[in-house]
């Protein structure tokens, strides 16, 4: 299932994974999986495999984690400004 959800960023060329959010939109995420702890004051937005977007802090071990997820590629792509507000309608 997951192998069909991989693609390549048109901006920087990095390999990305596409996840459908609960809002029904496809979001590119970096392929590295992270353990996270839910934290309303956290600095990260984590996208879960189920499509939830969670405000969190990345943690080092599974024992201190609430779950696993990915960081949105929009947050790390050096070319992300090329795509802001540039949706085809």
PDB file of N, CA and C in Angstrom:
ATOM      1  N   UNK A   1       0.813  -1.192   0.000  1.00  0.00           N
ATOM      2  CA  UNK A   1       0.000   0.000   0.000  1.00  0.00           C
ATOM      3  C   UNK A   1       0.857   1.256   0.000  1.00  0.00           C
ATOM      4  N   UNK A   2       1.839   1.338   0.905  1.00  0.00           N
ATOM      5  CA  UNK A   2       2.630   2.561   1.039  1.00  0.00           C
ATOM      6  C   UNK A   2       3.511   2.819  -0.163  1.00  0.00           C
ATOM      7  N   UNK A   3       3.959   1.794  -0.870  1.00  0.00           N
ATOM      8  CA  UNK A   3       4.876   2.026  -1.988  1.00  0.00           C
ATOM      9  C   UNK A   3       4.240   2.895  -3.062  1.00  0.00           C
ATOM     10  N   UNK A   4       2.925   2.855  -3.215  1.00  0.00           N
ATOM     11  CA  UNK A   4       2.244   3.656  -4.221  1.00  0.00           C
ATOM     12  C   UNK A   4       2.066   5.106  -3.786  1.00  0.00           C
ATOM     13  N   UNK A   5       2.335   5.418  -2.519  1.00  0.00           N
ATOM     14  CA  UNK A   5       2.128   6.760  -1.999  1.00  0.00           C
ATOM     15  C   UNK A   5       3.403   7.593  -1.994  1.00  0.00           C
ATOM     16  N   UNK A   6       4.476   7.091  -2.567  1.00  0.00           N
ATOM     17  CA  UNK A   6       5.716   7.852  -2.614  1.00  0.00           C
ATOM     18  C   UNK A   6       5.775   8.668  -3.892  1.00  0.00           C
ATOM     19  N   UNK A   7       6.443   9.789  -3.800  1.00  0.00           N
ATOM     20  CA  UNK A   7       6.638  10.648  -4.959  1.00  0.00           C
ATOM     21  C   UNK A   7       7.907  11.455  -4.781  1.00  0.00           C
ATOM     22  N   UNK A   8       8.040  12.463  -5.616  1.00  0.00           N
ATOM     23  CA  UNK A   8       9.217  13.320  -5.575  1.00  0.00           C
ATOM     24  C   UNK A   8       8.759  14.768  -5.582  1.00  0.00           C
ATOM     25  N   UNK A   9       9.346  15.586  -4.711  1.00  0.00           N
ATOM     26  CA  UNK A   9       9.010  17.004  -4.638  1.00  0.00           C
ATOM     27  C   UNK A   9       9.429  17.685  -5.942  1.00  0.00           C
ATOM     28  N   UNK A  10       8.510  18.451  -6.531  1.00  0.00           N
ATOM     29  CA  UNK A  10       8.827  19.172  -7.764  1.00  0.00           C
ATOM     30  C   UNK A  10       9.762  20.346  -7.519  1.00  0.00           C
ATOM     31  N   UNK A  11       9.863  20.781  -6.265  1.00  0.00           N
ATOM     32  CA  UNK A  11      10.719  21.917  -5.947  1.00  0.00           C
ATOM     33  C   UNK A  11      12.164  21.537  -5.708  1.00  0.00           C
ATOM     34  N   UNK A  12      12.382  20.574  -4.803  1.00  0.00           N
ATOM     35  CA  UNK A  12      13.757  20.248  -4.398  1.00  0.00           C
ATOM     36  C   UNK A  12      14.209  18.861  -4.835  1.00  0.00           C
ATOM     37  N   UNK A  13      13.285  18.037  -5.311  1.00  0.00           N
ATOM     38  CA  UNK A  13      13.642  16.704  -5.781  1.00  0.00           C
ATOM     39  C   UNK A  13      13.688  15.628  -4.709  1.00  0.00           C
ATOM     40  N   UNK A  14      13.431  15.995  -3.455  1.00  0.00           N
ATOM     41  CA  UNK A  14      13.476  15.012  -2.365  1.00  0.00           C
ATOM     42  C   UNK A  14      12.319  14.028  -2.484  1.00  0.00           C
ATOM     43  N   UNK A  15      12.564  12.789  -2.092  1.00  0.00           N
ATOM     44  CA  UNK A  15      11.509  11.775  -2.054  1.00  0.00           C
ATOM     45  C   UNK A  15      10.553  12.120  -0.922  1.00  0.00           C
ATOM     46  N   UNK A  16       9.252  12.048  -1.186  1.00  0.00           N
ATOM     47  CA  UNK A  16       8.228  12.349  -0.186  1.00  0.00           C
ATOM     48  C   UNK A  16       7.199  11.227  -0.157  1.00  0.00           C
ATOM     49  N   UNK A  17       6.470  11.181   0.937  1.00  0.00           N
ATOM     50  CA  UNK A  17       5.349  10.267   1.107  1.00  0.00           C
ATOM     51  C   UNK A  17       4.091  11.121   1.118  1.00  0.00           C
ATOM     52  N   UNK A  18       3.066  10.705   0.407  1.00  0.00           N
ATOM     53  CA  UNK A  18       1.803  11.442   0.388  1.00  0.00           C
ATOM     54  C   UNK A  18       0.835  10.799   1.367  1.00  0.00           C
ATOM     55  N   UNK A  19       0.279  11.617   2.268  1.00  0.00           N
ATOM     56  CA  UNK A  19      -0.714  11.149   3.233  1.00  0.00           C
ATOM     57  C   UNK A  19      -1.974  11.983   3.053  1.00  0.00           C
ATOM     58  N   UNK A  20      -3.128  11.320   3.016  1.00  0.00           N
ATOM     59  CA  UNK A  20      -4.405  12.035   2.928  1.00  0.00           C
ATOM     60  C   UNK A  20      -4.801  12.449   4.342  1.00  0.00           C
ATOM     61  N   UNK A  21      -4.984  13.759   4.543  1.00  0.00           N
ATOM     62  CA  UNK A  21      -5.362  14.268   5.859  1.00  0.00           C
ATOM     63  C   UNK A  21      -6.836  13.998   6.125  1.00  0.00           C
ATOM     64  N   UNK A  22      -7.249  14.185   7.373  1.00  0.00           N
ATOM     65  CA  UNK A  22      -8.661  14.013   7.739  1.00  0.00           C
ATOM     66  C   UNK A  22      -9.540  14.997   6.981  1.00  0.00           C
ATOM     67  N   UNK A  23      -8.948  16.126   6.547  1.00  0.00           N
ATOM     68  CA  UNK A  23      -9.687  17.123   5.762  1.00  0.00           C
ATOM     69  C   UNK A  23      -9.816  16.703   4.297  1.00  0.00           C
ATOM     70  N   UNK A  24      -9.229  15.553   3.936  1.00  0.00           N
ATOM     71  CA  UNK A  24      -9.352  15.034   2.580  1.00  0.00           C
ATOM     72  C   UNK A  24      -8.312  15.552   1.601  1.00  0.00           C
ATOM     73  N   UNK A  25      -7.294  16.249   2.095  1.00  0.00           N
ATOM     74  CA  UNK A  25      -6.260  16.786   1.210  1.00  0.00           C
ATOM     75  C   UNK A  25      -5.010  15.916   1.284  1.00  0.00           C
ATOM     76  N   UNK A  26      -4.325  15.791   0.165  1.00  0.00           N
ATOM     77  CA  UNK A  26      -3.067  15.051   0.140  1.00  0.00           C
ATOM     78  C   UNK A  26      -1.945  15.977   0.593  1.00  0.00           C
ATOM     79  N   UNK A  27      -1.148  15.520   1.550  1.00  0.00           N
ATOM     80  CA  UNK A  27      -0.051  16.320   2.078  1.00  0.00           C
ATOM     81  C   UNK A  27       1.263  15.577   1.881  1.00  0.00           C
ATOM     82  N   UNK A  28       2.275  16.248   1.306  1.00  0.00           N
ATOM     83  CA  UNK A  28       3.584  15.614   1.201  1.00  0.00           C
ATOM     84  C   UNK A  28       4.297  15.694   2.544  1.00  0.00           C
ATOM     85  N   UNK A  29       4.861  14.587   2.972  1.00  0.00           N
ATOM     86  CA  UNK A  29       5.611  14.554   4.228  1.00  0.00           C
ATOM     87  C   UNK A  29       6.986  13.960   3.956  1.00  0.00           C
ATOM     88  N   UNK A  30       7.950  14.327   4.801  1.00  0.00           N
ATOM     89  CA  UNK A  30       9.280  13.727   4.712  1.00  0.00           C
ATOM     90  C   UNK A  30       9.172  12.260   5.099  1.00  0.00           C
ATOM     91  N   UNK A  31      10.037  11.442   4.565  1.00  0.00           N
ATOM     92  CA  UNK A  31       9.906   9.993   4.753  1.00  0.00           C
ATOM     93  C   UNK A  31      10.431   9.484   6.092  1.00  0.00           C
ATOM     94  N   UNK A  32      11.130  10.319   6.856  1.00  0.00           N
ATOM     95  CA  UNK A  32      11.626   9.902   8.169  1.00  0.00           C
ATOM     96  C   UNK A  32      10.481   9.874   9.169  1.00  0.00           C
ATOM     97  N   UNK A  33      10.329   8.760   9.862  1.00  0.00           N
ATOM     98  CA  UNK A  33       9.271   8.643  10.867  1.00  0.00           C
ATOM     99  C   UNK A  33       9.822   9.089  12.224  1.00  0.00           C
ATOM    100  N   UNK A  34       8.994   9.806  12.989  1.00  0.00           N
ATOM    101  CA  UNK A  34       9.413  10.345  14.285  1.00  0.00           C
ATOM    102  C   UNK A  34       8.471   9.878  15.388  1.00  0.00           C
ATOM    103  N   UNK A  35       9.024   9.655  16.573  1.00  0.00           N
ATOM    104  CA  UNK A  35       8.211   9.448  17.771  1.00  0.00           C
ATOM    105  C   UNK A  35       7.855  10.831  18.293  1.00  0.00           C
ATOM    106  N   UNK A  36       6.608  11.008  18.715  1.00  0.00           N
ATOM    107  CA  UNK A  36       6.205  12.316  19.219  1.00  0.00           C
ATOM    108  C   UNK A  36       5.398  12.188  20.501  1.00  0.00           C
ATOM    109  N   UNK A  37       5.383  13.284  21.245  1.00  0.00           N
ATOM    110  CA  UNK A  37       4.527  13.417  22.423  1.00  0.00           C
ATOM    111  C   UNK A  37       3.629  14.617  22.171  1.00  0.00           C
ATOM    112  N   UNK A  38       2.317  14.439  22.321  1.00  0.00           N
ATOM    113  CA  UNK A  38       1.387  15.555  22.137  1.00  0.00           C
ATOM    114  C   UNK A  38       1.746  16.669  23.108  1.00  0.00           C
ATOM    115  N   UNK A  39       1.789  17.890  22.586  1.00  0.00           N
ATOM    116  CA  UNK A  39       2.203  19.034  23.394  1.00  0.00           C
ATOM    117  C   UNK A  39       1.627  20.286  22.750  1.00  0.00           C
ATOM    118  N   UNK A  40       0.613  20.882  23.375  1.00  0.00           N
ATOM    119  CA  UNK A  40      -0.041  22.062  22.808  1.00  0.00           C
ATOM    120  C   UNK A  40       0.942  23.199  22.554  1.00  0.00           C
ATOM    121  N   UNK A  41       2.041  23.228  23.304  1.00  0.00           N
ATOM    122  CA  UNK A  41       3.065  24.261  23.120  1.00  0.00           C
ATOM    123  C   UNK A  41       4.229  23.753  22.261  1.00  0.00           C
ATOM    124  N   UNK A  42       4.077  22.570  21.693  1.00  0.00           N
ATOM    125  CA  UNK A  42       5.154  21.976  20.897  1.00  0.00           C
ATOM    126  C   UNK A  42       5.445  22.763  19.636  1.00  0.00           C
ATOM    127  N   UNK A  43       6.639  22.577  19.112  1.00  0.00           N
ATOM    128  CA  UNK A  43       7.082  23.324  17.939  1.00  0.00           C
ATOM    129  C   UNK A  43       6.846  22.587  16.629  1.00  0.00           C
ATOM    130  N   UNK A  44       6.451  21.341  16.703  1.00  0.00           N
ATOM    131  CA  UNK A  44       6.289  20.534  15.492  1.00  0.00           C
ATOM    132  C   UNK A  44       4.820  20.251  15.202  1.00  0.00           C
ATOM    133  N   UNK A  45       4.500  20.191  13.919  1.00  0.00           N
ATOM    134  CA  UNK A  45       3.212  19.682  13.455  1.00  0.00           C
ATOM    135  C   UNK A  45       3.515  18.318  12.855  1.00  0.00           C
ATOM    136  N   UNK A  46       2.983  17.288  13.480  1.00  0.00           N
ATOM    137  CA  UNK A  46       3.228  15.915  13.050  1.00  0.00           C
ATOM    138  C   UNK A  46       1.998  15.407  12.309  1.00  0.00           C
ATOM    139  N   UNK A  47       2.221  14.756  11.178  1.00  0.00           N
ATOM    140  CA  UNK A  47       1.142  14.153  10.401  1.00  0.00           C
ATOM    141  C   UNK A  47       1.196  12.651  10.653  1.00  0.00           C
ATOM    142  N   UNK A  48       0.108  12.102  11.183  1.00  0.00           N
ATOM    143  CA  UNK A  48       0.075  10.671  11.480  1.00  0.00           C
ATOM    144  C   UNK A  48      -0.282   9.880  10.226  1.00  0.00           C
ATOM    145  N   UNK A  49      -0.049   8.584  10.268  1.00  0.00           N
ATOM    146  CA  UNK A  49      -0.395   7.733   9.133  1.00  0.00           C
ATOM    147  C   UNK A  49      -1.891   7.747   8.863  1.00  0.00           C
ATOM    148  N   UNK A  50      -2.684   8.035   9.897  1.00  0.00           N
ATOM    149  CA  UNK A  50      -4.130   8.112   9.741  1.00  0.00           C
ATOM    150  C   UNK A  50      -4.627   9.457   9.244  1.00  0.00           C
ATOM    151  N   UNK A  51      -3.718  10.418   9.051  1.00  0.00           N
ATOM    152  CA  UNK A  51      -4.100  11.708   8.494  1.00  0.00           C
ATOM    153  C   UNK A  51      -4.391  12.800   9.503  1.00  0.00           C
ATOM    154  N   UNK A  52      -4.182  12.531  10.787  1.00  0.00           N
ATOM    155  CA  UNK A  52      -4.345  13.585  11.794  1.00  0.00           C
ATOM    156  C   UNK A  52      -3.107  14.478  11.776  1.00  0.00           C
ATOM    157  N   UNK A  53      -3.305  15.769  12.063  1.00  0.00           N
ATOM    158  CA  UNK A  53      -2.190  16.697  12.224  1.00  0.00           C
ATOM    159  C   UNK A  53      -2.158  17.076  13.694  1.00  0.00           C
ATOM    160  N   UNK A  54      -1.029  16.782  14.367  1.00  0.00           N
ATOM    161  CA  UNK A  54      -0.907  16.903  15.813  1.00  0.00           C
ATOM    162  C   UNK A  54       0.192  17.905  16.158  1.00  0.00           C
ATOM    163  N   UNK A  55      -0.088  18.816  17.097  1.00  0.00           N
ATOM    164  CA  UNK A  55       0.957  19.691  17.628  1.00  0.00           C
ATOM    165  C   UNK A  55       1.710  18.887  18.670  1.00  0.00           C
ATOM    166  N   UNK A  56       3.039  18.822  18.528  1.00  0.00           N
ATOM    167  CA  UNK A  56       3.796  17.881  19.351  1.00  0.00           C
ATOM    168  C   UNK A  56       5.246  18.302  19.522  1.00  0.00           C
ATOM    169  N   UNK A  57       5.916  17.528  20.360  1.00  0.00           N
ATOM    170  CA  UNK A  57       7.358  17.604  20.540  1.00  0.00           C
ATOM    171  C   UNK A  57       7.927  16.254  20.130  1.00  0.00           C
ATOM    172  N   UNK A  58       8.993  16.262  19.351  1.00  0.00           N
ATOM    173  CA  UNK A  58       9.641  15.011  18.955  1.00  0.00           C
ATOM    174  C   UNK A  58      10.432  14.481  20.142  1.00  0.00           C
ATOM    175  N   UNK A  59      10.284  13.179  20.406  1.00  0.00           N
ATOM    176  CA  UNK A  59      10.991  12.535  21.517  1.00  0.00           C
ATOM    177  C   UNK A  59      11.891  11.432  20.970  1.00  0.00           C
ATOM    178  N   UNK A  60      12.833  11.000  21.804  1.00  0.00           N
ATOM    179  CA  UNK A  60      13.847  10.048  21.352  1.00  0.00           C
ATOM    180  C   UNK A  60      13.441   8.585  21.439  1.00  0.00           C
ATOM    181  N   UNK A  61      12.569   8.245  22.374  1.00  0.00           N
ATOM    182  CA  UNK A  61      12.276   6.830  22.580  1.00  0.00           C
ATOM    183  C   UNK A  61      10.783   6.539  22.492  1.00  0.00           C
ATOM    184  N   UNK A  62      10.432   5.327  22.077  1.00  0.00           N
ATOM    185  CA  UNK A  62       9.025   4.948  22.000  1.00  0.00           C
ATOM    186  C   UNK A  62       8.328   4.988  23.358  1.00  0.00           C
ATOM    187  N   UNK A  63       9.086   4.757  24.433  1.00  0.00           N
ATOM    188  CA  UNK A  63       8.483   4.720  25.771  1.00  0.00           C
ATOM    189  C   UNK A  63       7.898   6.071  26.181  1.00  0.00           C
ATOM    190  N   UNK A  64       8.474   7.157  25.733  1.00  0.00           N
ATOM    191  CA  UNK A  64       7.967   8.480  26.100  1.00  0.00           C
ATOM    192  C   UNK A  64       7.045   9.073  25.028  1.00  0.00           C
ATOM    193  N   UNK A  65       6.751   8.299  23.987  1.00  0.00           N
ATOM    194  CA  UNK A  65       5.970   8.801  22.857  1.00  0.00           C
ATOM    195  C   UNK A  65       4.483   8.487  22.987  1.00  0.00           C
ATOM    196  N   UNK A  66       3.676   9.378  22.407  1.00  0.00           N
ATOM    197  CA  UNK A  66       2.240   9.135  22.260  1.00  0.00           C
ATOM    198  C   UNK A  66       1.936   8.459  20.929  1.00  0.00           C
ATOM    199  N   UNK A  67       2.869   8.546  19.993  1.00  0.00           N
ATOM    200  CA  UNK A  67       2.647   7.959  18.684  1.00  0.00           C
ATOM    201  C   UNK A  67       3.811   8.221  17.754  1.00  0.00           C
ATOM    202  N   UNK A  68       3.604   7.857  16.484  1.00  0.00           N
ATOM    203  CA  UNK A  68       4.613   8.097  15.455  1.00  0.00           C
ATOM    204  C   UNK A  68       3.971   8.848  14.300  1.00  0.00           C
ATOM    205  N   UNK A  69       4.787   9.598  13.598  1.00  0.00           N
ATOM    206  CA  UNK A  69       4.275  10.345  12.462  1.00  0.00           C
ATOM    207  C   UNK A  69       5.402  10.999  11.687  1.00  0.00           C
ATOM    208  N   UNK A  70       5.015  11.886  10.804  1.00  0.00           N
ATOM    209  CA  UNK A  70       5.943  12.499   9.863  1.00  0.00           C
ATOM    210  C   UNK A  70       5.857  14.019   9.943  1.00  0.00           C
ATOM    211  N   UNK A  71       6.924  14.685   9.503  1.00  0.00           N
ATOM    212  CA  UNK A  71       6.929  16.141   9.414  1.00  0.00           C
ATOM    213  C   UNK A  71       6.532  16.526   7.995  1.00  0.00           C
ATOM    214  N   UNK A  72       5.640  17.507   7.884  1.00  0.00           N
ATOM    215  CA  UNK A  72       5.211  17.991   6.581  1.00  0.00           C
ATOM    216  C   UNK A  72       6.417  18.448   5.768  1.00  0.00           C
ATOM    217  N   UNK A  73       6.454  18.076   4.515  1.00  0.00           N
ATOM    218  CA  UNK A  73       7.562  18.498   3.661  1.00  0.00           C
ATOM    219  C   UNK A  73       7.532  20.012   3.433  1.00  0.00           C
ATOM    220  N   UNK A  74       6.360  20.626   3.528  1.00  0.00           N
ATOM    221  CA  UNK A  74       6.271  22.083   3.377  1.00  0.00           C
ATOM    222  C   UNK A  74       7.123  22.797   4.427  1.00  0.00           C
ATOM    223  N   UNK A  75       7.297  22.185   5.595  1.00  0.00           N
ATOM    224  CA  UNK A  75       8.059  22.807   6.684  1.00  0.00           C
ATOM    225  C   UNK A  75       9.565  22.749   6.452  1.00  0.00           C
ATOM    226  N   UNK A  76      10.025  21.865   5.580  1.00  0.00           N
ATOM    227  CA  UNK A  76      11.467  21.677   5.411  1.00  0.00           C
ATOM    228  C   UNK A  76      11.973  21.919   3.995  1.00  0.00           C
ATOM    229  N   UNK A  77      11.095  22.018   3.026  1.00  0.00           N
ATOM    230  CA  UNK A  77      11.516  22.170   1.629  1.00  0.00           C
ATOM    231  C   UNK A  77      12.121  23.557   1.398  1.00  0.00           C
ATOM    232  N   UNK A  78      13.326  23.612   0.849  1.00  0.00           N
ATOM    233  CA  UNK A  78      13.935  24.915   0.577  1.00  0.00           C
ATOM    234  C   UNK A  78      13.207  25.686  -0.526  1.00  0.00           C
ATOM    235  N   UNK A  79      12.353  25.020  -1.275  1.00  0.00           N
ATOM    236  CA  UNK A  79      11.604  25.659  -2.360  1.00  0.00           C
ATOM    237  C   UNK A  79      10.126  25.845  -2.025  1.00  0.00           C
ATOM    238  N   UNK A  80       9.743  25.711  -0.762  1.00  0.00           N
ATOM    239  CA  UNK A  80       8.319  25.725  -0.394  1.00  0.00           C
ATOM    240  C   UNK A  80       7.607  27.018  -0.779  1.00  0.00           C
ATOM    241  N   UNK A  81       8.307  28.127  -0.822  1.00  0.00           N
ATOM    242  CA  UNK A  81       7.666  29.401  -1.186  1.00  0.00           C
ATOM    243  C   UNK A  81       7.152  29.383  -2.620  1.00  0.00           C
ATOM    244  N   UNK A  82       7.725  28.543  -3.457  1.00  0.00           N
ATOM    245  CA  UNK A  82       7.251  28.413  -4.844  1.00  0.00           C
ATOM    246  C   UNK A  82       5.811  27.920  -4.904  1.00  0.00           C
ATOM    247  N   UNK A  83       5.385  27.197  -3.881  1.00  0.00           N
ATOM    248  CA  UNK A  83       4.088  26.532  -3.927  1.00  0.00           C
ATOM    249  C   UNK A  83       3.017  27.217  -3.099  1.00  0.00           C
ATOM    250  N   UNK A  84       3.365  28.201  -2.291  1.00  0.00           N
ATOM    251  CA  UNK A  84       2.374  28.878  -1.438  1.00  0.00           C
ATOM    252  C   UNK A  84       1.383  29.640  -2.310  1.00  0.00           C
ATOM    253  N   UNK A  85       0.095  29.352  -2.113  1.00  0.00           N
ATOM    254  CA  UNK A  85      -0.957  30.055  -2.845  1.00  0.00           C
ATOM    255  C   UNK A  85      -0.967  29.781  -4.330  1.00  0.00           C
ATOM    256  N   UNK A  86      -0.335  28.711  -4.753  1.00  0.00           N
ATOM    257  CA  UNK A  86      -0.213  28.410  -6.172  1.00  0.00           C
ATOM    258  C   UNK A  86      -1.012  27.169  -6.541  1.00  0.00           C
ATOM    259  N   UNK A  87      -2.207  27.045  -5.990  1.00  0.00           N
ATOM    260  CA  UNK A  87      -3.031  25.860  -6.257  1.00  0.00           C
ATOM    261  C   UNK A  87      -3.775  25.999  -7.571  1.00  0.00           C
ATOM    262  N   UNK A  88      -3.826  24.911  -8.302  1.00  0.00           N
ATOM    263  CA  UNK A  88      -4.652  24.872  -9.512  1.00  0.00           C
ATOM    264  C   UNK A  88      -6.103  24.758  -9.076  1.00  0.00           C
ATOM    265  N   UNK A  89      -6.955  25.488  -9.680  1.00  0.00           N
ATOM    266  CA  UNK A  89      -8.375  25.461  -9.303  1.00  0.00           C
ATOM    267  C   UNK A  89      -9.218  24.985 -10.451  1.00  0.00           C
TER     268      UNK A  89
END
